[in-house]
Every structure is written in C-alpha cells, then in structure tokens.
Amino acid sequence: MSNLHKALDEKLVRVGILGATGTVGQRFITLLSNHPWFIIHALGASPRSAGKPYAKAANWKQTTPIPSNVREIIVQECKPEHFKDCAIVFSGLDADVAGDIEGAFRAADLAVFSNAKNYRRDPLVPLIVPLVNDFHLSMIPQQQAQHQPPLQKGFILTNANCSTTGLVVPLRALEKSFGPIEACFVTTMQAISGAGYPGVSSLDIIDNIVPYIGGEEEKMEWETLKILGGISEEDGQKAFDMHSRYPLRVSASCNRVPVIDGHTMTVSVRFSRRPPPSPQQVREALVAYTPAARSMGCPSAPAHAIFVHEEPDRPQPRLDRYYQDGAGVSVGRVRQCPVLDIKFVVLANNVSIGAATSSIINAELAVLKGVVKLPIN
C-alpha cells in the first residue's frame, strides 16, 4: 500500500454533491455514504430545496434508505461559497442548468466531476470512462493554464453518456489486444431510468418499444471517438485526436425498452487487422482486460472490468445488472459476424457505471494521480 493510500485511509476527503435531490444525486449519496476515502460535506440543489434538511428536501427513490449521516445535512443553493471546503464536487445536475453552475464552480478553483453533457465536447475537458481512458487526465493542466484567470486546483472532468460507457469498455479491450477497430454497429435497448425521474410515461413504454431517444445516437457516435482516441501534441499544445490516426466509423440505433435499470446493446465490429481475431481470442482478451483503475487500487473499481458469460442467453438486465454493484460491464454471445468480423451483447448498469460510479472512480483516479490537489498529496 502506498503512502497516499495510507493517508487516504486515515483522513477522509471532503466532497460535495450538486443536484443532490435528483436521481443521479441520490445515487451519488448512496455510493459515497460509506466510501473509504470520501466524506459528504455539502449538498446542493435548487433554491426551493435550499435551507431544508436533506431528508425533507429529497423525494427519495433509491431501494435503500437515506443514509443516516446525510439525513440532517442542510441543503444549500448550488453556489461555490457553500462548497469552498470541498476538495471534490460531484455534479448530478440536469443539463439545462449544469453549464453555468459547473463553470462557476471551476472558476472558483473547485474540481468538478460532472455527469452532465454540457462540457463533453469542450476541447479542453476530458471525457473519461474510468475503465478506458484515464490517461486523458493529462489534459487537465492545459485546461487550468488556459482558463482566465489560470487555475491552481479547479477544473471540469466529465463522464460519458450511459450507453456510450457500456460500449467503449469492450471496444478498448479489443483495440488493446488486436489493434484498431475500423467500424462498429451498435443497437441499444435502454432502460427507462436513463430518462430520469419521472421518466417515460407508462402509456408510452408499457407493452411497447420507443425506437428513438433524442440526441442519443449522435452522442454515442461522437463520444466513442473522443474516448477511444489519443492525445496529440503540437507546439506544446495538446488536443484530443478523436481516433483520427485510425479512423473509426460508429453507427448507433437507440431504443427505449420497458426495463427499469440496465442498458443492453448488440454490437458488431470490424478490425483493421486481417485476418481478424477468432471469437475465442476475443473472449480471452475481454476476460484478461485490466484497466488502470483496478491496478492502481481505486476502491470503487470492479474486480472484473468485463465479465464474459458463456451461457447462450446472457447477459440479461434483471439477472446481471447489479453484479459487482453495477461497476463493470457484462458481455456475452461472442461469435463471428457474417457482415463484419465479430458480434456480441453488452450489458451496463446505466445508473452505476453509466453515471455516478464512473464519476466516483474518475475522482479516485484523479486523487491517485495527483490531479486533485490535497494537503496529503
């Protein structure tokens, strides 16, 4: 165990949560209430919730009770002065308000880990799936230096769309073992919790599939390139290369289905390498994949980034979405594709690794890599 790990075990890091009364905020609270390194210090929500104890402000929708250490915390407005003692601020804000608020927190020199979409396309903001591209943290110093005025501690880091997250984990594992993927077709069957609360009308989703989720296909097709791409450098300036060295085409079709939690995807890929790997080689590569989050000792990282099922009818949302507390992804039905090379099924828990869990592991990585400035660093 490193000295930093020992210090983190002895002295908890204060964190805050924006959008704490919403669905994503509630999930942050559930996951952080017993975190070995982090302690919830401040909660932020809308002005109508501010000034109330959390238990009275929140319409709690989780399957476990409100943690006792959070119930009586007074909710604050989402203003930086209420979070000045937090080393890390997690944002579960809705996109319609997240942009200005998160920007104000960064300007106040606070480290923001966002679940919202607002800054994902920013050329200086890392879009990180912690089981995939933690090396994109190296963009943070440039983000801080180019901010006006320059920042010492503040930055914004985003995690990906929930469906993109499930897709890129096995794609990264395959590219690591077999080189570039040049084409990917993905069809999603996305849970209703992905639409937030109260979500999709029961009259729309019961006995039905909705073959359209606004903006989702474009997000998957674009975000995958930023996440799987590298970082180029010219004249001392870094830039995300969007997988441009080895162009990757992604075609996504996104559907809302009557499942509560867990996004299922059918995926087909074509490799640049010829001949392509066999299904058995792909299975072995997926099982062997170990991301830095695991090897560095992030406490929220799953033991298996990818669990590969051998049964012909798995993964299934109801059976597999909470394996490893939803922190990894499940893959099954790995087989040859008669059109491309290989096809398989992916399941990812959209409210865990697809949302709050990703932000938390991102923060753990940022602490271990010294990107988040702590007195113990």
Protein backbone atom coordinates (compact mmCIF):
# COMPACT_ATOMS: atom_id res chain seq x y z
CA MET A 1 0.00 0.00 0.00
CA SER A 2 1.38 3.41 -0.99
CA ASN A 3 1.80 6.30 1.43
CA LEU A 4 -1.02 8.10 -0.36
CA HIS A 5 -3.35 5.12 0.09
CA LYS A 6 -2.46 5.03 3.80
CA ALA A 7 -3.08 8.76 4.16
CA LEU A 8 -6.45 8.48 2.42
CA ASP A 9 -7.46 5.67 4.75
CA GLU A 10 -6.58 7.85 7.75
CA LYS A 11 -8.01 11.22 6.65
CA LEU A 12 -11.23 11.42 4.65
CA VAL A 13 -11.51 13.87 1.74
CA ARG A 14 -14.46 16.28 1.86
CA VAL A 15 -16.74 16.15 -1.17
CA GLY A 16 -19.88 17.96 -2.26
CA ILE A 17 -22.77 16.93 -4.49
CA LEU A 18 -24.66 19.25 -6.84
CA GLY A 19 -28.17 18.23 -7.85
CA ALA A 20 -28.27 16.16 -4.68
CA THR A 21 -32.05 15.70 -4.60
CA GLY A 22 -32.30 14.34 -8.16
CA THR A 23 -31.97 10.76 -9.35
CA VAL A 24 -28.24 10.93 -10.12
CA GLY A 25 -27.57 12.93 -6.96
CA GLN A 26 -29.32 10.29 -4.89
CA ARG A 27 -27.16 7.63 -6.46
CA PHE A 28 -24.04 9.66 -5.59
CA ILE A 29 -25.23 9.81 -1.97
CA THR A 30 -25.88 6.06 -1.84
CA LEU A 31 -22.42 5.24 -3.20
CA LEU A 32 -20.50 7.85 -1.20
CA SER A 33 -22.16 7.38 2.20
CA ASN A 34 -19.66 4.65 3.18
CA HIS A 35 -16.80 5.49 0.85
CA PRO A 36 -13.37 4.65 2.35
CA TRP A 37 -11.73 7.90 1.16
CA PHE A 38 -14.50 10.47 0.69
CA ILE A 39 -16.96 12.02 3.12
CA ILE A 40 -20.04 14.00 2.09
CA HIS A 41 -19.59 17.56 3.37
CA ALA A 42 -22.03 19.68 1.35
CA LEU A 43 -25.19 19.12 -0.68
CA GLY A 44 -26.54 21.49 -3.30
CA ALA A 45 -29.92 21.70 -5.02
CA SER A 46 -32.46 24.21 -6.31
CA PRO A 47 -33.48 27.28 -4.27
CA ARG A 48 -36.76 25.60 -3.30
CA SER A 49 -34.81 22.82 -1.56
CA ALA A 50 -32.16 25.05 0.00
CA GLY A 51 -32.37 25.53 3.76
CA LYS A 52 -34.08 22.19 4.39
CA PRO A 53 -32.61 19.04 5.93
CA TYR A 54 -31.87 16.63 3.12
CA ALA A 55 -34.47 14.10 4.28
CA LYS A 56 -37.19 16.73 3.88
CA ALA A 57 -35.87 18.17 0.63
CA ALA A 58 -35.46 14.93 -1.33
CA ASN A 59 -38.14 12.75 -2.88
CA TRP A 60 -36.02 9.65 -2.22
CA LYS A 61 -36.33 6.96 -4.91
CA GLN A 62 -33.49 4.57 -4.08
CA THR A 63 -34.00 0.98 -2.93
CA THR A 64 -32.11 1.63 0.32
CA PRO A 65 -32.99 4.25 2.98
CA ILE A 66 -31.39 7.69 3.05
CA PRO A 67 -28.02 7.21 4.81
CA SER A 68 -28.19 8.36 8.42
CA ASN A 69 -25.10 10.55 8.03
CA VAL A 70 -26.84 12.55 5.29
CA ARG A 71 -30.42 12.91 6.52
CA GLU A 72 -29.86 16.07 8.56
CA ILE A 73 -27.36 17.85 6.29
CA ILE A 74 -28.86 21.20 5.31
CA VAL A 75 -29.20 21.57 1.57
CA GLN A 76 -27.53 24.65 0.09
CA GLU A 77 -28.02 26.52 -3.16
CA CYS A 78 -25.54 25.49 -5.86
CA LYS A 79 -23.13 28.35 -5.22
CA PRO A 80 -19.36 27.92 -4.86
CA GLU A 81 -19.15 29.67 -1.49
CA HIS A 82 -21.11 26.83 0.13
CA PHE A 83 -18.59 24.26 -1.18
CA LYS A 84 -15.29 26.06 -0.57
CA ASP A 85 -14.11 23.40 1.90
CA CYS A 86 -14.66 20.55 -0.60
CA ALA A 87 -11.69 19.10 -2.46
CA ILE A 88 -14.06 17.43 -4.95
CA VAL A 89 -17.52 18.41 -6.21
CA PHE A 90 -19.68 15.82 -7.96
CA SER A 91 -22.36 17.15 -10.27
CA GLY A 92 -25.62 15.34 -10.89
CA LEU A 93 -27.25 18.47 -12.30
CA ASP A 94 -29.63 18.41 -15.24
CA ALA A 95 -28.09 19.68 -18.46
CA ASP A 96 -30.40 22.70 -18.62
CA VAL A 97 -28.68 24.23 -15.57
CA ALA A 98 -25.36 22.39 -15.36
CA GLY A 99 -23.33 24.52 -17.77
CA ASP A 100 -23.35 27.84 -15.92
CA ILE A 101 -23.20 26.30 -12.44
CA GLU A 102 -20.31 23.95 -13.20
CA GLY A 103 -18.46 26.75 -14.95
CA ALA A 104 -18.85 28.98 -11.87
CA PHE A 105 -17.51 26.22 -9.62
CA ARG A 106 -14.47 25.73 -11.85
CA ALA A 107 -13.86 29.49 -11.87
CA ALA A 108 -13.92 29.36 -8.07
CA ASP A 109 -10.99 26.90 -8.30
CA LEU A 110 -13.02 23.82 -7.42
CA ALA A 111 -12.57 20.38 -9.02
CA VAL A 112 -15.85 19.36 -10.69
CA PHE A 113 -16.66 15.80 -11.76
CA SER A 114 -19.73 16.10 -13.93
CA ASN A 115 -22.33 13.60 -15.09
CA ALA A 116 -23.93 16.20 -17.40
CA LYS A 117 -23.37 16.53 -21.16
CA ASN A 118 -22.60 20.26 -21.26
CA TYR A 119 -18.79 20.14 -21.38
CA ARG A 120 -18.25 16.78 -23.09
CA ARG A 121 -17.42 18.42 -26.44
CA ASP A 122 -15.15 21.07 -24.91
CA PRO A 123 -11.68 20.63 -26.46
CA LEU A 124 -10.01 21.12 -23.07
CA VAL A 125 -12.31 18.94 -20.96
CA PRO A 126 -11.53 15.23 -20.62
CA LEU A 127 -14.43 12.86 -21.33
CA ILE A 128 -13.39 9.87 -19.27
CA VAL A 129 -14.79 6.39 -18.78
CA PRO A 130 -12.55 5.29 -15.90
CA LEU A 131 -12.20 1.72 -17.15
CA VAL A 132 -10.97 3.01 -20.52
CA ASN A 133 -9.08 6.31 -20.87
CA ASP A 134 -7.73 7.57 -17.56
CA PHE A 135 -4.68 8.90 -19.45
CA HIS A 136 -6.88 11.77 -20.70
CA LEU A 137 -6.42 13.26 -17.22
CA SER A 138 -3.19 14.68 -18.67
CA MET A 139 -5.28 17.39 -20.36
CA ILE A 140 -6.23 18.97 -17.01
CA PRO A 141 -3.09 21.15 -16.60
CA GLN A 142 -3.68 22.71 -20.02
CA GLN A 143 -7.34 23.37 -19.14
CA GLN A 144 -6.22 25.10 -15.95
CA ALA A 145 -3.50 27.13 -17.69
CA GLN A 146 -5.81 28.39 -20.45
CA HIS A 147 -8.60 29.43 -18.10
CA GLN A 148 -8.81 33.15 -17.43
CA PRO A 149 -7.55 33.67 -14.84
CA PRO A 150 -5.41 30.50 -14.70
CA LEU A 151 -6.46 27.97 -12.09
CA GLN A 152 -4.47 26.14 -9.43
CA LYS A 153 -6.95 23.45 -8.42
CA GLY A 154 -10.14 23.96 -10.40
CA PHE A 155 -11.18 22.01 -13.49
CA ILE A 156 -14.10 20.18 -15.08
CA LEU A 157 -13.99 16.49 -15.96
CA THR A 158 -16.98 14.72 -17.46
CA ASN A 159 -18.03 11.12 -17.68
CA ALA A 160 -19.77 9.76 -20.77
CA ASN A 161 -23.33 9.14 -21.81
CA CYS A 162 -24.63 5.99 -20.12
CA SER A 163 -24.94 3.98 -23.34
CA THR A 164 -21.55 5.11 -24.66
CA THR A 165 -19.95 3.94 -21.41
CA GLY A 166 -21.10 0.35 -21.85
CA LEU A 167 -19.92 0.27 -25.45
CA VAL A 168 -16.40 1.66 -25.10
CA VAL A 169 -15.21 -0.69 -22.34
CA PRO A 170 -15.18 -3.84 -24.52
CA LEU A 171 -14.05 -1.81 -27.55
CA ARG A 172 -11.00 -0.58 -25.64
CA ALA A 173 -10.19 -4.12 -24.53
CA LEU A 174 -10.36 -5.33 -28.13
CA GLU A 175 -8.25 -2.48 -29.51
CA LYS A 176 -5.65 -3.09 -26.81
CA SER A 177 -5.29 -6.72 -27.87
CA PHE A 178 -5.91 -6.62 -31.61
CA GLY A 179 -5.28 -3.08 -32.80
CA PRO A 180 -7.68 -0.55 -34.30
CA ILE A 181 -11.36 -1.17 -34.91
CA GLU A 182 -12.47 0.49 -38.13
CA ALA A 183 -16.26 0.01 -37.97
CA CYS A 184 -18.85 -0.61 -35.27
CA PHE A 185 -22.61 -1.11 -35.47
CA VAL A 186 -24.48 -0.89 -32.16
CA THR A 187 -28.17 -1.22 -31.36
CA THR A 188 -29.23 -0.30 -27.83
CA MET A 189 -32.13 -1.42 -25.66
CA GLN A 190 -32.06 1.27 -22.99
CA ALA A 191 -33.73 1.20 -19.59
CA ILE A 192 -36.34 3.77 -18.61
CA SER A 193 -34.25 5.02 -15.66
CA GLY A 194 -31.94 6.54 -18.26
CA ALA A 195 -34.62 9.17 -18.86
CA GLY A 196 -34.51 10.32 -15.22
CA TYR A 197 -37.47 10.70 -12.87
CA PRO A 198 -40.41 10.61 -13.55
CA GLY A 199 -39.08 9.46 -16.90
CA VAL A 200 -41.10 7.95 -19.73
CA SER A 201 -44.89 7.91 -19.45
CA SER A 202 -46.31 4.47 -18.64
CA LEU A 203 -48.66 4.78 -21.61
CA ASP A 204 -45.64 5.19 -23.87
CA ILE A 205 -43.45 2.36 -22.55
CA ILE A 206 -45.69 -0.45 -21.23
CA ASP A 207 -46.23 -3.07 -23.95
CA ASN A 208 -44.00 -1.02 -26.22
CA ILE A 209 -40.56 -0.10 -27.53
CA VAL A 210 -39.77 3.50 -28.42
CA PRO A 211 -37.29 3.49 -31.33
CA TYR A 212 -36.00 7.00 -30.70
CA ILE A 213 -34.09 8.74 -27.88
CA GLY A 214 -33.37 12.34 -28.75
CA GLY A 215 -29.68 13.03 -29.37
CA GLU A 216 -28.59 9.63 -28.11
CA GLU A 217 -27.31 8.18 -31.37
CA GLU A 218 -25.23 11.26 -32.12
CA LYS A 219 -23.75 11.17 -28.61
CA MET A 220 -22.69 7.54 -28.95
CA GLU A 221 -21.16 8.06 -32.38
CA TRP A 222 -19.19 11.16 -31.35
CA GLU A 223 -18.26 10.35 -27.74
CA THR A 224 -16.82 6.95 -28.70
CA LEU A 225 -14.23 8.68 -30.90
CA LYS A 226 -13.13 11.11 -28.19
CA ILE A 227 -12.88 8.40 -25.55
CA LEU A 228 -11.07 5.78 -27.64
CA GLY A 229 -8.83 8.35 -29.30
CA GLY A 230 -5.47 9.52 -28.04
CA ILE A 231 -3.94 12.90 -27.27
CA SER A 232 -1.77 14.60 -29.86
CA GLU A 233 0.70 17.40 -29.15
CA GLU A 234 1.95 20.16 -31.42
CA ASP A 235 3.92 23.27 -30.43
CA GLY A 236 3.42 22.39 -26.78
CA GLN A 237 -0.39 22.26 -27.08
CA LYS A 238 -2.33 19.05 -26.50
CA ALA A 239 -5.51 18.04 -28.31
CA PHE A 240 -7.82 15.03 -28.34
CA ASP A 241 -7.22 13.28 -31.66
CA MET A 242 -10.72 11.74 -32.00
CA HIS A 243 -9.26 8.40 -33.14
CA SER A 244 -8.10 10.19 -36.30
CA ARG A 245 -4.90 8.16 -36.73
CA TYR A 246 -7.06 5.12 -37.38
CA PRO A 247 -10.50 6.39 -38.49
CA LEU A 248 -13.37 4.63 -36.75
CA ARG A 249 -16.94 4.72 -38.05
CA VAL A 250 -19.70 4.14 -35.49
CA SER A 251 -23.37 3.66 -36.39
CA ALA A 252 -25.78 3.65 -33.42
CA SER A 253 -29.51 2.91 -33.24
CA CYS A 254 -31.01 3.68 -29.83
CA ASN A 255 -34.27 2.33 -28.39
CA ARG A 256 -36.11 2.77 -25.09
CA VAL A 257 -37.45 -0.54 -23.69
CA PRO A 258 -39.59 -1.45 -20.65
CA VAL A 259 -36.69 -2.33 -18.33
CA ILE A 260 -36.04 -0.31 -15.16
CA ASP A 261 -32.22 -0.42 -14.95
CA GLY A 262 -29.56 -1.78 -17.30
CA HIS A 263 -28.76 -0.87 -20.91
CA THR A 264 -28.35 -3.84 -23.25
CA MET A 265 -26.56 -3.48 -26.60
CA THR A 266 -25.90 -5.70 -29.57
CA VAL A 267 -22.54 -4.83 -31.12
CA SER A 268 -20.77 -5.81 -34.34
CA VAL A 269 -17.20 -4.73 -35.10
CA ARG A 270 -14.70 -4.90 -37.95
CA PHE A 271 -10.97 -4.85 -37.19
CA SER A 272 -8.30 -3.24 -39.34
CA ARG A 273 -6.15 -6.34 -38.84
CA ARG A 274 -6.58 -9.14 -41.33
CA PRO A 275 -7.29 -11.87 -40.60
CA PRO A 276 -9.40 -10.76 -37.64
CA PRO A 277 -9.28 -12.47 -34.24
CA SER A 278 -11.42 -15.52 -33.63
CA PRO A 279 -14.36 -15.46 -31.19
CA GLN A 280 -12.28 -17.42 -28.68
CA GLN A 281 -9.41 -14.95 -28.92
CA VAL A 282 -11.92 -12.12 -28.36
CA ARG A 283 -13.35 -13.85 -25.28
CA GLU A 284 -9.86 -14.31 -23.82
CA ALA A 285 -8.95 -10.66 -24.48
CA LEU A 286 -12.12 -9.41 -22.80
CA VAL A 287 -11.53 -11.57 -19.71
CA ALA A 288 -7.89 -10.50 -19.45
CA TYR A 289 -8.55 -6.77 -19.73
CA THR A 290 -7.43 -4.92 -16.58
CA PRO A 291 -7.76 -1.11 -16.53
CA ALA A 292 -5.52 1.22 -14.55
CA ALA A 293 -8.35 1.95 -12.12
CA ARG A 294 -8.07 -1.60 -10.87
CA SER A 295 -4.29 -1.93 -10.86
CA MET A 296 -3.85 1.44 -9.11
CA GLY A 297 -6.20 0.46 -6.28
CA CYS A 298 -9.29 2.61 -6.81
CA PRO A 299 -11.71 1.34 -4.14
CA SER A 300 -14.80 1.62 -6.37
CA ALA A 301 -13.24 -0.14 -9.38
CA PRO A 302 -14.72 -3.57 -10.14
CA ALA A 303 -12.67 -6.73 -9.76
CA HIS A 304 -13.58 -7.57 -13.37
CA ALA A 305 -13.96 -4.67 -15.78
CA ILE A 306 -15.61 -7.12 -18.17
CA PHE A 307 -17.36 -10.30 -17.12
CA VAL A 308 -17.79 -12.70 -20.03
CA HIS A 309 -20.77 -15.06 -19.92
CA GLU A 310 -20.58 -18.48 -21.51
CA GLU A 311 -24.34 -19.14 -21.33
CA PRO A 312 -26.12 -18.55 -24.65
CA ASP A 313 -28.87 -16.39 -23.09
CA ARG A 314 -26.78 -13.96 -21.01
CA PRO A 315 -26.31 -11.18 -20.07
CA GLN A 316 -29.83 -10.17 -19.04
CA PRO A 317 -30.70 -6.91 -17.24
CA ARG A 318 -32.73 -8.48 -14.44
CA LEU A 319 -30.09 -11.12 -13.69
CA ASP A 320 -26.81 -9.29 -14.30
CA ARG A 321 -27.17 -5.52 -13.84
CA TYR A 322 -26.11 -5.47 -10.18
CA TYR A 323 -23.15 -7.82 -10.45
CA GLN A 324 -20.19 -6.03 -8.81
CA ASP A 325 -22.67 -3.33 -7.74
CA GLY A 326 -23.05 -2.42 -11.40
CA ALA A 327 -19.46 -1.13 -11.61
CA GLY A 328 -18.33 -3.34 -14.51
CA VAL A 329 -19.89 -4.47 -17.79
CA SER A 330 -21.12 -7.89 -18.85
CA VAL A 331 -20.52 -9.38 -22.30
CA GLY A 332 -22.00 -12.50 -23.84
CA ARG A 333 -22.78 -14.26 -27.12
CA VAL A 334 -19.36 -13.59 -28.62
CA ARG A 335 -19.44 -15.02 -32.13
CA GLN A 336 -18.48 -14.44 -35.74
CA CYS A 337 -20.37 -11.80 -37.68
CA PRO A 338 -21.11 -12.64 -41.34
CA VAL A 339 -21.10 -8.95 -42.30
CA LEU A 340 -18.29 -7.52 -40.17
CA ASP A 341 -15.93 -9.67 -38.05
CA ILE A 342 -17.22 -10.26 -34.51
CA LYS A 343 -20.55 -9.62 -32.77
CA PHE A 344 -21.54 -9.75 -29.11
CA VAL A 345 -24.00 -8.50 -26.49
CA VAL A 346 -23.12 -5.92 -23.81
CA LEU A 347 -24.97 -5.04 -20.61
CA ALA A 348 -24.07 -2.00 -18.50
CA ASN A 349 -25.87 -0.64 -15.45
CA ASN A 350 -26.80 2.85 -16.59
CA VAL A 351 -27.29 4.24 -13.07
CA SER A 352 -23.96 2.86 -11.80
CA ILE A 353 -21.01 2.61 -14.21
CA GLY A 354 -23.14 4.60 -16.67
CA ALA A 355 -23.47 7.52 -14.26
CA ALA A 356 -22.38 8.14 -10.64
CA THR A 357 -19.97 5.21 -10.30
CA SER A 358 -17.95 6.49 -13.26
CA SER A 359 -17.65 9.95 -11.70
CA ILE A 360 -16.53 8.49 -8.40
CA ILE A 361 -13.87 6.24 -9.95
CA ASN A 362 -12.73 9.22 -12.04
CA ALA A 363 -12.25 11.17 -8.81
CA GLU A 364 -10.36 8.29 -7.21
CA LEU A 365 -8.04 8.17 -10.22
CA ALA A 366 -7.54 11.94 -10.11
CA VAL A 367 -6.57 11.74 -6.45
CA LEU A 368 -4.10 8.89 -7.01
CA LYS A 369 -2.53 10.68 -9.99
CA GLY A 370 -2.22 13.96 -8.07
CA VAL A 371 -4.62 15.83 -10.35
CA VAL A 372 -6.85 16.67 -7.39
CA LYS A 373 -4.72 18.73 -5.05
CA LEU A 374 -4.98 17.54 -1.46
CA PRO A 375 -2.98 18.52 1.63
CA ILE A 376 -1.78 14.90 1.74
CA ASN A 377 -0.52 14.83 -1.89
